[in-house]
C-alpha atoms as a PDB file:
ATOM      1  CA  MET A   1      90.729  88.686 100.868  1.00  0.00           C
ATOM      2  CA  LYS A   2      88.573  88.419 103.975  1.00  0.00           C
ATOM      3  CA  ILE A   3      91.088  90.063 106.307  1.00  0.00           C
ATOM      4  CA  LYS A   4      91.245  93.855 106.463  1.00  0.00           C
ATOM      5  CA  PRO A   5      94.180  95.196 108.514  1.00  0.00           C
ATOM      6  CA  ALA A   6      93.489  97.603 111.353  1.00  0.00           C
ATOM      7  CA  ARG A   7      94.683 101.185 111.223  1.00  0.00           C
ATOM      8  CA  GLY A   8      98.479 101.287 110.999  1.00  0.00           C
ATOM      9  CA  TYR A   9      98.967  97.665 109.852  1.00  0.00           C
ATOM     10  CA  VAL A  10      99.791  95.931 106.563  1.00  0.00           C
ATOM     11  CA  LEU A  11      98.784  92.362 105.663  1.00  0.00           C
ATOM     12  CA  ILE A  12     101.688  90.547 103.989  1.00  0.00           C
ATOM     13  CA  GLU A  13     102.000  87.122 102.393  1.00  0.00           C
ATOM     14  CA  SER A  14     105.468  86.042 103.441  1.00  0.00           C
ATOM     15  CA  LYS A  15     107.932  84.603 100.976  1.00  0.00           C
ATOM     16  CA  GLU A  16     109.794  81.469 101.959  1.00  0.00           C
ATOM     17  CA  ALA A  17     113.071  81.960 103.796  1.00  0.00           C
ATOM     18  CA  GLU A  18     116.240  81.203 101.875  1.00  0.00           C
ATOM     19  CA  GLU A  19     117.528  77.662 102.406  1.00  0.00           C
ATOM     20  CA  VAL A  20     121.015  78.390 101.037  1.00  0.00           C
ATOM     21  CA  SER A  21     123.092  81.463 101.878  1.00  0.00           C
ATOM     22  CA  ALA A  22     124.732  83.644  99.234  1.00  0.00           C
ATOM     23  CA  GLY A  23     127.992  81.746  99.876  1.00  0.00           C
ATOM     24  CA  GLY A  24     126.348  78.370  99.247  1.00  0.00           C
ATOM     25  CA  VAL A  25     125.982  77.281 102.893  1.00  0.00           C
ATOM     26  CA  ILE A  26     122.777  75.342 103.652  1.00  0.00           C
ATOM     27  CA  LEU A  27     120.967  77.096 106.499  1.00  0.00           C
ATOM     28  CA  PRO A  28     119.360  75.038 109.297  1.00  0.00           C
ATOM     29  CA  ASP A  29     115.716  75.712 110.233  1.00  0.00           C
ATOM     30  CA  ARG A  30     116.612  77.558 113.451  1.00  0.00           C
ATOM     31  CA  VAL A  31     118.677  80.105 111.496  1.00  0.00           C
ATOM     32  CA  LYS A  32     116.143  80.694 108.716  1.00  0.00           C
ATOM     33  CA  GLY A  33     113.509  82.120 111.042  1.00  0.00           C
ATOM     34  CA  ILE A  34     110.727  84.312 109.718  1.00  0.00           C
ATOM     35  CA  PRO A  35     111.250  85.582 106.184  1.00  0.00           C
ATOM     36  CA  GLN A  36     111.883  89.297 105.876  1.00  0.00           C
ATOM     37  CA  ARG A  37     110.236  89.760 102.491  1.00  0.00           C
ATOM     38  CA  GLY A  38     106.661  89.465 101.331  1.00  0.00           C
ATOM     39  CA  LYS A  39     103.889  90.657  99.038  1.00  0.00           C
ATOM     40  CA  VAL A  40     101.402  93.235 100.349  1.00  0.00           C
ATOM     41  CA  LEU A  41      97.822  91.916 100.227  1.00  0.00           C
ATOM     42  CA  ALA A  42      96.035  94.738 102.079  1.00  0.00           C
ATOM     43  CA  VAL A  43      96.888  98.037 103.798  1.00  0.00           C
ATOM     44  CA  GLY A  44      95.104  99.567 106.787  1.00  0.00           C
ATOM     45  CA  GLU A  45      94.283 103.251 107.077  1.00  0.00           C
ATOM     46  CA  ALA A  46      96.882 105.916 107.876  1.00  0.00           C
ATOM     47  CA  PHE A  47      97.092 107.140 111.466  1.00  0.00           C
ATOM     48  CA  ILE A  48      98.998 109.355 113.872  1.00  0.00           C
ATOM     49  CA  SER A  49     101.616 107.423 115.826  1.00  0.00           C
ATOM     50  CA  PRO A  50     102.966 108.504 119.211  1.00  0.00           C
ATOM     51  CA  HIS A  51     106.443 107.399 118.046  1.00  0.00           C
ATOM     52  CA  ALA A  52     106.509 109.228 114.713  1.00  0.00           C
ATOM     53  CA  VAL A  53     108.036 112.594 113.943  1.00  0.00           C
ATOM     54  CA  TYR A  54     105.151 114.923 113.227  1.00  0.00           C
ATOM     55  CA  THR A  55     104.782 117.896 110.971  1.00  0.00           C
ATOM     56  CA  ILE A  56     102.768 120.359 112.990  1.00  0.00           C
ATOM     57  CA  ASP A  57     100.787 123.155 111.410  1.00  0.00           C
ATOM     58  CA  TYR A  58     100.531 125.590 114.310  1.00  0.00           C
ATOM     59  CA  THR A  59      97.955 127.748 112.536  1.00  0.00           C
ATOM     60  CA  ALA A  60      95.562 124.819 112.168  1.00  0.00           C
ATOM     61  CA  LYS A  61      96.730 123.222 115.456  1.00  0.00           C
ATOM     62  CA  SER A  62      96.688 119.765 113.919  1.00  0.00           C
ATOM     63  CA  PHE A  63      99.080 116.882 113.364  1.00  0.00           C
ATOM     64  CA  SER A  64      99.666 115.211 110.038  1.00  0.00           C
ATOM     65  CA  SER A  65      99.045 111.494 109.741  1.00  0.00           C
ATOM     66  CA  ILE A  66     101.654 108.925 108.779  1.00  0.00           C
ATOM     67  CA  PRO A  67     101.327 108.234 105.050  1.00  0.00           C
ATOM     68  CA  LEU A  68     100.743 104.710 103.824  1.00  0.00           C
ATOM     69  CA  PRO A  69     104.175 103.078 103.483  1.00  0.00           C
ATOM     70  CA  CYS A  70     103.251 100.845 100.528  1.00  0.00           C
ATOM     71  CA  ARG A  71     100.462  99.749  98.198  1.00  0.00           C
ATOM     72  CA  VAL A  72      98.721  96.454  97.547  1.00  0.00           C
ATOM     73  CA  GLY A  73     100.911  94.330  95.272  1.00  0.00           C
ATOM     74  CA  ASP A  74     104.246  95.799  96.438  1.00  0.00           C
ATOM     75  CA  THR A  75     106.974  93.474  97.670  1.00  0.00           C
ATOM     76  CA  VAL A  76     108.330  94.837 100.941  1.00  0.00           C
ATOM     77  CA  ILE A  77     111.181  94.122 103.320  1.00  0.00           C
ATOM     78  CA  PHE A  78     110.259  94.265 106.995  1.00  0.00           C
ATOM     79  CA  LYS A  79     111.900  93.771 110.378  1.00  0.00           C
ATOM     80  CA  ARG A  80     112.894  90.177 111.114  1.00  0.00           C
ATOM     81  CA  PHE A  81     111.179  89.675 114.472  1.00  0.00           C
ATOM     82  CA  VAL A  82     107.574  90.346 113.481  1.00  0.00           C
ATOM     83  CA  ASP A  83     105.408  87.653 115.036  1.00  0.00           C
ATOM     84  CA  ASN A  84     101.807  88.453 114.150  1.00  0.00           C
ATOM     85  CA  ARG A  85     101.296  85.311 112.063  1.00  0.00           C
ATOM     86  CA  ILE A  86      97.971  84.167 110.657  1.00  0.00           C
ATOM     87  CA  LYS A  87      97.123  81.002 108.719  1.00  0.00           C
ATOM     88  CA  GLU A  88      94.447  81.720 106.096  1.00  0.00           C
ATOM     89  CA  GLU A  89      93.517  79.436 103.200  1.00  0.00           C
ATOM     90  CA  GLY A  90      96.744  77.445 103.640  1.00  0.00           C
ATOM     91  CA  LYS A  91      98.969  80.541 103.416  1.00  0.00           C
ATOM     92  CA  GLU A  92     101.093  82.090 106.135  1.00  0.00           C
ATOM     93  CA  LEU A  93     100.213  85.772 106.456  1.00  0.00           C
ATOM     94  CA  LEU A  94     101.752  88.443 108.653  1.00  0.00           C
ATOM     95  CA  LEU A  95     100.289  91.607 110.130  1.00  0.00           C
ATOM     96  CA  VAL A  96     103.106  94.164 110.181  1.00  0.00           C
ATOM     97  CA  LYS A  97     103.058  97.678 111.665  1.00  0.00           C
ATOM     98  CA  PHE A  98     103.798 100.576 109.316  1.00  0.00           C
ATOM     99  CA  GLU A  99     106.924 101.342 111.377  1.00  0.00           C
ATOM    100  CA  ASP A 100     108.272  97.805 110.790  1.00  0.00           C
ATOM    101  CA  ILE A 101     108.374  98.134 106.999  1.00  0.00           C
ATOM    102  CA  LEU A 102     111.948  98.951 106.034  1.00  0.00           C
ATOM    103  CA  ALA A 103     111.815  99.185 102.232  1.00  0.00           C
ATOM    104  CA  ILE A 104     109.901  98.418  99.069  1.00  0.00           C
ATOM    105  CA  TYR A 105     111.720  95.706  97.136  1.00  0.00           C
ATOM    106  CA  GLY A 106     112.089  95.759  93.378  1.00  0.00           C
END
């Protein structure tokens, strides 16, 4: 992969949005939106976020960094309204912030 995510971002290959709901209703394009699930292709470095809850070691006077939320190859669920889309080699890829990853699927 030629793209390496910046610090605090994950590169995800999105999975296609469902065309039929769990109840069997066919969903129109405007409802499908951006898929919320995808496979992790690359992970940027960990970092300290101004919005995170920190563990502070007062003796060392340092902050801990946010751990990596996932690994390459994981399938993750992320927030719906992520719009950092990239087209690369015919695939739709997304750059998602660490904070926008909700769960590891599977």
